[in-house]
Protein backbone atom coordinates (compact mmCIF):
# COMPACT_ATOMS: atom_id res chain seq x y z
CA MET A 1 23.19 11.83 13.02
CA LYS A 2 23.85 13.75 9.84
CA LYS A 3 23.60 11.20 7.03
CA VAL A 4 20.83 8.72 6.30
CA CYS A 5 20.89 5.85 3.82
CA VAL A 6 17.40 4.79 2.68
CA ILE A 7 17.12 1.38 1.01
CA GLY A 8 14.13 1.21 -1.30
CA LEU A 9 12.80 4.34 -3.05
CA GLY A 10 9.18 3.37 -3.48
CA TYR A 11 5.96 4.62 -1.93
CA ILE A 12 7.49 4.85 1.55
CA GLY A 13 11.23 5.11 0.98
CA LEU A 14 11.17 8.05 -1.45
CA PRO A 15 8.82 10.27 0.60
CA THR A 16 10.87 9.49 3.71
CA ALA A 17 14.13 10.27 1.92
CA ALA A 18 12.77 13.52 0.49
CA LEU A 19 11.37 14.64 3.83
CA LEU A 20 14.64 13.94 5.66
CA ALA A 21 16.65 15.76 2.99
CA ASN A 22 14.43 18.81 3.33
CA ARG A 23 14.96 18.65 7.09
CA GLY A 24 18.70 19.04 6.61
CA TYR A 25 19.92 15.45 6.55
CA GLU A 26 22.27 14.28 3.85
CA VAL A 27 20.31 11.42 2.27
CA HIS A 28 21.68 8.62 0.12
CA GLY A 29 18.77 6.77 -1.48
CA VAL A 30 19.18 3.28 -2.91
CA ASP A 31 17.02 1.39 -5.38
CA VAL A 32 17.64 -1.62 -7.59
CA VAL A 33 15.82 -0.11 -10.59
CA ASP A 34 18.14 1.99 -12.74
CA SER A 35 15.34 4.11 -14.25
CA THR A 36 14.06 4.96 -10.76
CA VAL A 37 17.50 6.15 -9.69
CA ASN A 38 17.92 8.27 -12.83
CA THR A 39 14.46 9.81 -12.50
CA ILE A 40 15.05 10.84 -8.88
CA ASN A 41 18.48 12.28 -9.62
CA GLN A 42 16.76 14.54 -12.18
CA GLY A 43 14.56 15.87 -9.40
CA LYS A 44 11.53 14.00 -10.70
CA ILE A 45 9.32 11.24 -9.31
CA HIS A 46 8.20 7.86 -10.64
CA ILE A 47 5.07 7.53 -8.48
CA VAL A 48 2.00 9.68 -7.91
CA GLU A 49 1.73 11.26 -4.47
CA PRO A 50 0.56 14.82 -3.66
CA GLU A 51 3.41 17.23 -2.81
CA LEU A 52 6.07 14.54 -3.30
CA ASP A 53 7.31 16.12 -6.55
CA THR A 54 7.95 19.42 -4.76
CA PHE A 55 9.82 17.73 -1.91
CA VAL A 56 11.98 15.64 -4.25
CA LYS A 57 12.82 18.54 -6.54
CA ALA A 58 13.84 20.74 -3.61
CA ALA A 59 15.86 17.93 -2.00
CA VAL A 60 17.78 17.10 -5.19
CA ASN A 61 18.38 20.73 -6.13
CA SER A 62 19.79 21.40 -2.65
CA GLY A 63 22.22 18.52 -3.06
CA LYS A 64 20.84 16.82 0.07
CA LEU A 65 19.26 13.88 -1.78
CA LYS A 66 21.13 11.60 -4.15
CA ALA A 67 19.97 8.26 -5.51
CA SER A 68 22.18 5.30 -6.30
CA LEU A 69 22.13 1.61 -7.08
CA ILE A 70 24.45 0.85 -4.16
CA PRO A 71 24.47 1.91 -0.47
CA ASP A 72 26.97 4.25 1.15
CA MET A 73 28.33 4.96 4.62
CA ALA A 74 25.82 6.71 6.89
CA ASP A 75 24.77 7.27 10.48
CA VAL A 76 21.26 5.88 10.04
CA PHE A 77 20.13 3.12 7.68
CA ILE A 78 16.42 2.77 6.87
CA ILE A 79 15.17 -0.37 5.13
CA ALA A 80 11.92 0.36 3.29
CA VAL A 81 11.57 -2.48 0.79
CA PRO A 82 8.49 -4.52 -0.20
CA THR A 83 7.34 -7.49 1.89
CA PRO A 84 4.87 -9.41 -0.31
CA PHE A 85 3.98 -13.07 0.09
CA HIS A 86 4.78 -16.28 -1.75
CA GLU A 87 2.11 -18.59 -3.16
CA GLY A 88 -0.18 -19.83 -0.41
CA TYR A 89 0.10 -16.51 1.49
CA VAL A 90 3.51 -17.40 2.92
CA PRO A 91 5.36 -14.20 3.92
CA ASN A 92 8.17 -13.22 1.56
CA ILE A 93 10.93 -11.30 3.34
CA ASP A 94 13.59 -11.94 0.70
CA TYR A 95 13.85 -8.22 -0.07
CA VAL A 96 14.49 -7.41 3.59
CA VAL A 97 17.27 -10.02 3.74
CA SER A 98 18.81 -8.74 0.49
CA ALA A 99 18.71 -5.12 1.70
CA THR A 100 20.29 -6.14 5.00
CA LYS A 101 23.14 -7.92 3.23
CA ALA A 102 23.61 -4.93 0.91
CA ILE A 103 24.25 -2.51 3.79
CA SER A 104 26.39 -4.88 5.86
CA GLN A 105 29.75 -3.73 4.48
CA TYR A 106 28.87 -0.06 5.06
CA LEU A 107 27.99 -0.33 8.75
CA LYS A 108 30.16 1.04 11.52
CA GLU A 109 29.97 1.23 15.29
CA GLY A 110 27.13 3.38 16.58
CA ASN A 111 24.97 3.13 13.45
CA ILE A 112 21.20 2.93 13.73
CA VAL A 113 19.55 0.30 11.51
CA ILE A 114 15.79 0.72 11.15
CA LEU A 115 13.40 -1.70 9.48
CA GLU A 116 10.35 0.28 8.29
CA SER A 117 8.98 -2.44 6.01
CA THR A 118 5.81 -4.00 7.39
CA SER A 119 7.01 -7.43 8.44
CA PRO A 120 6.03 -10.67 10.20
CA VAL A 121 6.83 -10.84 13.89
CA GLY A 122 10.51 -11.70 14.35
CA THR A 123 11.80 -10.05 11.16
CA THR A 124 13.80 -7.38 13.01
CA GLU A 125 15.58 -10.19 14.83
CA LEU A 126 16.26 -11.77 11.43
CA VAL A 127 17.91 -8.51 10.34
CA GLU A 128 20.34 -8.89 13.24
CA THR A 129 20.92 -12.59 12.46
CA THR A 130 21.57 -11.79 8.80
CA LEU A 131 24.11 -9.12 9.73
CA LYS A 132 25.89 -11.61 11.99
CA THR A 133 26.19 -14.05 9.07
CA GLU A 134 27.84 -11.18 7.18
CA ASN A 135 30.41 -10.92 10.01
CA VAL A 136 28.99 -7.67 11.42
CA ASP A 137 29.37 -7.06 15.18
CA THR A 138 25.72 -6.22 15.92
CA SER A 139 26.46 -5.51 19.58
CA LYS A 140 27.79 -2.15 18.45
CA LEU A 141 24.68 -1.28 16.39
CA TYR A 142 21.23 -0.02 17.33
CA ILE A 143 18.67 -2.14 15.46
CA ALA A 144 14.96 -1.31 15.63
CA HIS A 145 11.63 -1.57 13.88
CA CYS A 146 9.47 1.48 13.15
CA PRO A 147 6.55 0.56 10.88
CA GLU A 148 5.24 3.14 8.44
CA ARG A 149 1.66 4.21 9.21
CA VAL A 150 0.76 6.54 6.35
CA LEU A 151 -2.19 6.79 3.99
CA PRO A 152 -1.43 6.98 0.25
CA GLY A 153 -2.51 10.39 -0.96
CA GLN A 154 -1.55 12.00 2.35
CA ILE A 155 1.92 10.56 2.90
CA MET A 156 3.92 13.78 3.12
CA ARG A 157 1.64 15.16 5.82
CA GLU A 158 1.23 11.94 7.77
CA LEU A 159 4.97 11.19 7.83
CA VAL A 160 5.26 14.24 10.05
CA GLU A 161 1.96 14.36 11.93
CA ASN A 162 1.25 10.70 12.73
CA ASP A 163 2.37 9.03 15.93
CA ARG A 164 5.15 6.48 15.38
CA ILE A 165 5.92 3.22 17.16
CA VAL A 166 9.57 2.33 17.75
CA GLY A 167 10.67 -1.06 18.99
CA GLY A 168 14.35 -1.83 19.37
CA LEU A 169 16.08 -5.13 19.91
CA THR A 170 17.56 -3.50 23.02
CA LYS A 171 16.43 -0.64 25.22
CA GLU A 172 19.38 1.40 24.00
CA ALA A 173 18.35 0.79 20.37
CA THR A 174 14.83 1.96 21.16
CA LEU A 175 16.08 5.15 22.81
CA LYS A 176 18.50 5.99 19.99
CA THR A 177 15.88 5.37 17.30
CA VAL A 178 13.23 7.38 19.15
CA GLU A 179 15.71 10.26 19.34
CA PHE A 180 16.15 10.11 15.56
CA TYR A 181 12.41 10.14 14.75
CA LYS A 182 11.78 13.02 17.11
CA THR A 183 13.93 15.21 14.86
CA PHE A 184 11.24 15.21 12.16
CA VAL A 185 8.02 13.71 13.59
CA GLN A 186 5.52 16.06 15.23
CA GLY A 187 3.33 13.20 16.45
CA GLU A 188 4.21 11.23 19.55
CA VAL A 189 7.02 8.67 19.19
CA LEU A 190 6.02 5.65 21.25
CA SER A 191 8.54 3.19 22.69
CA THR A 192 8.19 -0.59 22.86
CA ASP A 193 10.14 -3.72 21.87
CA ALA A 194 10.67 -4.91 18.29
CA ARG A 195 8.14 -7.76 18.32
CA THR A 196 5.38 -5.57 19.71
CA ALA A 197 6.13 -2.89 17.11
CA GLU A 198 5.91 -5.48 14.34
CA MET A 199 2.64 -6.88 15.69
CA ALA A 200 1.19 -3.38 16.17
CA LYS A 201 1.33 -2.64 12.45
CA LEU A 202 -0.13 -6.03 11.56
CA THR A 203 -2.88 -5.48 14.13
CA GLU A 204 -3.79 -2.06 12.75
CA ASN A 205 -4.22 -3.40 9.24
CA SER A 206 -6.03 -6.54 10.39
CA PHE A 207 -8.47 -4.37 12.32
CA ARG A 208 -9.18 -2.36 9.17
CA ASP A 209 -9.50 -5.51 7.09
CA THR A 210 -12.00 -7.03 9.52
CA ASN A 211 -14.18 -3.92 9.53
CA ILE A 212 -14.09 -3.66 5.74
CA ALA A 213 -15.09 -7.32 5.55
CA PHE A 214 -18.21 -6.54 7.58
CA ALA A 215 -19.14 -3.75 5.14
CA ASN A 216 -18.44 -5.96 2.12
CA GLU A 217 -20.49 -8.84 3.49
CA LEU A 218 -23.28 -6.41 4.28
CA SER A 219 -23.28 -5.12 0.68
CA MET A 220 -23.70 -8.67 -0.65
CA LEU A 221 -26.52 -9.36 1.79
CA CYS A 222 -28.25 -6.12 0.79
CA ASP A 223 -28.02 -7.12 -2.86
CA LYS A 224 -29.67 -10.42 -1.96
CA PHE A 225 -32.43 -8.69 0.06
CA ASP A 226 -32.94 -5.89 -2.50
CA ILE A 227 -31.85 -3.18 -0.06
CA ASN A 228 -29.77 -0.09 -0.89
CA VAL A 229 -26.59 -0.72 1.10
CA TRP A 230 -25.56 2.96 1.08
CA GLU A 231 -28.84 4.07 2.61
CA LEU A 232 -28.69 1.24 5.14
CA ILE A 233 -25.16 2.15 6.27
CA ASN A 234 -26.06 5.84 6.56
CA LEU A 235 -29.03 4.96 8.74
CA ALA A 236 -27.15 2.45 10.91
CA ASN A 237 -24.31 4.92 11.42
CA ARG A 238 -26.72 7.36 13.04
CA HIS A 239 -26.41 5.16 16.12
CA PRO A 240 -23.90 6.87 18.43
CA ARG A 241 -21.76 3.74 18.80
CA VAL A 242 -21.92 2.39 15.23
CA ASN A 243 -19.46 3.33 12.49
CA ILE A 244 -19.76 0.95 9.54
CA LEU A 245 -17.21 1.52 6.76
CA GLN A 246 -17.98 1.76 3.05
CA PRO A 247 -18.03 -1.46 0.97
CA GLY A 248 -15.82 -1.83 -2.09
CA ALA A 249 -14.67 -4.28 -4.72
CA GLY A 250 -12.42 -6.01 -2.21
CA VAL A 251 -9.30 -4.79 -0.46
CA GLY A 252 -6.07 -3.76 -2.14
CA GLY A 253 -2.77 -2.13 -1.44
CA HIS A 254 0.41 -3.56 -0.03
CA CYS A 255 -0.75 -3.31 3.59
CA ILE A 256 -4.34 -4.28 4.36
CA ALA A 257 -4.55 -6.95 1.66
CA VAL A 258 -1.26 -8.53 2.72
CA ASP A 259 -0.44 -7.98 6.39
CA PRO A 260 -3.25 -10.04 7.95
CA TRP A 261 -1.83 -13.11 6.21
CA PHE A 262 1.39 -12.60 8.20
CA ILE A 263 -0.63 -13.13 11.37
CA VAL A 264 -2.63 -16.03 9.92
CA HIS A 265 0.54 -17.77 8.71
CA ALA A 266 2.15 -17.62 12.15
CA GLY A 267 -1.02 -17.87 14.24
CA GLY A 268 -2.67 -20.78 12.46
CA ASP A 269 -6.06 -21.82 13.82
CA THR A 270 -5.90 -19.18 16.54
CA ALA A 271 -6.35 -16.41 13.94
CA LYS A 272 -9.90 -17.44 12.98
CA MET A 273 -11.54 -14.03 12.66
CA ILE A 274 -8.58 -12.45 10.86
CA LYS A 275 -8.51 -15.30 8.35
CA THR A 276 -12.27 -15.15 7.77
CA ALA A 277 -12.10 -11.40 7.12
CA ARG A 278 -9.42 -11.96 4.50
CA GLU A 279 -11.56 -14.64 2.85
CA VAL A 280 -14.66 -12.40 2.81
CA ASN A 281 -12.78 -9.53 1.19
CA THR A 282 -11.20 -11.83 -1.38
CA TYR A 283 -14.60 -13.34 -2.16
CA LYS A 284 -16.13 -9.87 -2.62
CA THR A 285 -13.87 -9.35 -5.62
CA GLU A 286 -15.07 -12.61 -7.18
CA TRP A 287 -18.66 -11.61 -6.42
CA VAL A 288 -18.20 -8.32 -8.28
CA ILE A 289 -16.75 -10.16 -11.28
CA GLU A 290 -19.81 -12.42 -11.43
CA LYS A 291 -22.15 -9.43 -11.20
CA ILE A 292 -20.43 -7.75 -14.13
CA LYS A 293 -20.33 -10.94 -16.21
CA ASN A 294 -24.03 -11.59 -15.61
CA SER A 295 -24.89 -8.05 -16.70
CA ALA A 296 -22.75 -8.45 -19.81
CA LEU A 297 -24.37 -11.75 -20.76
CA LYS A 298 -27.84 -10.28 -20.19
CA PHE A 299 -26.94 -7.36 -22.45
CA GLU A 300 -25.71 -9.74 -25.15
CA ILE A 301 -28.94 -11.77 -25.04
CA GLU A 302 -31.12 -8.67 -25.21
CA ASN A 303 -29.14 -6.81 -27.87
CA GLY A 304 -27.54 -9.55 -29.94
CA LYS A 305 -24.01 -8.20 -29.52
CA LYS A 306 -21.20 -8.27 -26.97
CA ALA A 307 -21.23 -5.48 -24.42
CA LYS A 308 -18.38 -3.03 -24.14
CA ILE A 309 -17.56 -2.83 -20.42
CA ALA A 310 -15.94 0.30 -19.00
CA CYS A 311 -13.92 -0.59 -15.90
CA MET A 312 -13.59 2.73 -14.16
CA GLY A 313 -10.43 2.72 -12.09
CA LEU A 314 -7.52 0.29 -11.70
CA ALA A 315 -5.76 1.61 -8.58
CA PHE A 316 -6.44 0.06 -5.18
CA LYS A 317 -7.98 3.28 -3.80
CA PRO A 318 -9.15 6.69 -5.05
CA ASP A 319 -6.86 9.33 -6.54
CA ILE A 320 -3.55 7.44 -6.51
CA ASP A 321 -1.60 5.44 -9.11
CA ASP A 322 -0.79 2.50 -6.83
CA LEU A 323 -1.87 -0.80 -8.43
CA ARG A 324 -0.47 -3.14 -5.79
CA GLU A 325 -2.92 -5.92 -4.89
CA SER A 326 -5.68 -3.85 -6.49
CA PRO A 327 -9.03 -5.65 -6.74
CA ALA A 328 -10.05 -3.27 -9.53
CA LEU A 329 -7.03 -4.26 -11.59
CA TYR A 330 -7.68 -7.94 -10.88
CA ILE A 331 -11.32 -7.59 -11.98
CA THR A 332 -10.34 -5.85 -15.21
CA LYS A 333 -7.70 -8.47 -16.02
CA ARG A 334 -10.08 -11.34 -15.34
CA LEU A 335 -12.76 -9.90 -17.61
CA LYS A 336 -10.26 -9.41 -20.41
CA VAL A 337 -8.78 -12.91 -20.03
CA GLU A 338 -12.27 -14.42 -20.13
CA GLY A 339 -12.97 -12.75 -23.47
CA PHE A 340 -15.06 -9.74 -22.49
CA ASP A 341 -14.65 -6.44 -24.36
CA VAL A 342 -13.04 -4.22 -21.72
CA LEU A 343 -12.31 -0.49 -21.71
CA ALA A 344 -9.73 0.04 -18.96
CA VAL A 345 -9.81 3.49 -17.35
CA GLU A 346 -7.26 4.82 -14.87
CA PRO A 347 -6.72 8.61 -14.89
CA ASN A 348 -3.60 8.38 -12.68
CA ILE A 349 -1.44 6.34 -15.07
CA ASP A 350 -0.53 6.78 -18.74
CA SER A 351 -0.08 3.16 -19.74
CA TYR A 352 -0.24 -0.44 -18.57
CA LYS A 353 1.45 -3.52 -20.01
CA ASP A 354 -1.65 -5.73 -20.35
CA PHE A 355 -4.12 -3.37 -22.02
CA GLU A 356 -4.64 0.10 -23.42
CA ILE A 357 -5.62 2.82 -20.97
CA VAL A 358 -8.69 4.68 -22.23
CA GLU A 359 -9.62 8.25 -21.30
CA TYR A 360 -12.71 8.17 -19.09
CA ASN A 361 -14.96 10.34 -21.30
CA GLU A 362 -14.09 8.20 -24.31
CA ALA A 363 -14.89 5.06 -22.33
CA LEU A 364 -18.26 6.44 -21.25
CA ASN A 365 -19.16 7.28 -24.84
CA LYS A 366 -18.24 3.80 -26.10
CA ALA A 367 -19.41 1.63 -23.20
CA ASP A 368 -22.61 -0.35 -22.91
CA ILE A 369 -21.95 -1.20 -19.28
CA VAL A 370 -20.09 1.04 -16.85
CA THR A 371 -18.80 -0.37 -13.59
CA PHE A 372 -17.21 2.00 -11.10
CA LEU A 373 -14.45 0.08 -9.33
CA VAL A 374 -12.60 3.04 -7.79
CA ALA A 375 -14.09 6.35 -6.65
CA HIS A 376 -11.58 8.66 -8.37
CA LYS A 377 -12.42 12.37 -8.26
CA GLU A 378 -12.70 12.42 -12.06
CA PHE A 379 -15.68 10.08 -11.84
CA LYS A 380 -17.75 12.28 -9.55
CA ASN A 381 -20.80 14.03 -11.03
CA LEU A 382 -20.48 12.39 -14.45
CA ASN A 383 -23.45 12.46 -16.81
CA ILE A 384 -23.90 8.75 -17.50
CA LYS A 385 -25.96 7.95 -20.60
CA THR A 386 -24.91 4.34 -21.04
CA HIS A 387 -26.36 1.30 -19.30
CA LEU A 388 -25.04 1.48 -15.74
CA ASP A 389 -24.86 -1.65 -13.66
CA PHE A 390 -24.42 -1.04 -9.91
CA CYS A 391 -22.34 -3.71 -8.21
CA GLY A 392 -22.36 -2.36 -4.68
CA VAL A 393 -18.77 -1.32 -5.21
CA ASN A 394 -17.73 2.29 -4.72
CA LYS A 395 -20.26 5.05 -4.23
């Protein structure tokens, strides 16, 4: 196993490609966006992730990492493309199917094909079925699923340190794929079958979503009862068997905000708690919007002018540039669409298509209402002189 072809050079694919290249593999990265390919081939990055720029620069300069619009022959193929959902929360695995078709003509006997994209149960089997429709003899391949399990902001470390779950379509595929991951993973590489590996990742994110939903529901109850939710959680967590998470403006990111719907879609009425948690977290975002709007209308009545609202943070979590499924971004867009005067602040990006990005000190000086939607490090210990409305969002 000397050459790896990584399909999809986004938040998972690019760090994986860069890490493998720095571990001595010859890596051929593939992306459908021309600007992404050009940026990487210059030794630069198109996303924000600590240490990633150093890894990519070293990998490209060594000649071990090259990006392209088309795949190439390799020993290992890793599919790391998005898996969003269609309208109505129906899983969308079109990108997985497209990536599978794209590599079909480059496969040879003995190749390992790994699906890393978080996927509904049965998607790894669909990869095999898709290859068969492309006239590939899959009996001579090792096809497996190994879901990514990293935290944005700590990806380069967690790619190496975290335990990994590998589930092959055959026992031989599992063994071969485990052998590959052990060449660069320090954590334990755990063996199972493909369906269990797929469900494991969905379960992890659904567990997180359910616990966040409890915290978010608690924050809304505390607002109703006139109780400080942060103090309450700190006190409750002093119990040795209680660990309540922190509430927020909802749940974002490609994983936790999306993956539970994969279970709900397939599980139907059996997935009652998972579905309810998703609904609570979605409702929390709407609740925050109403809190901000009410404060803005109150300001307008009391002052005879429209309030300037500083929306502090657009990313889905602190200190990253990832806007995928971000409740903060959704809140800011909704306020703007509904005619409110919004100052959009996101220190991790330079621009956004729908509105101007304002520097946070400028926003604080101009704003009448400041709502902290994301707890970026730049927002800590600020001297706030404007009217601050607390929405039970991020501390």
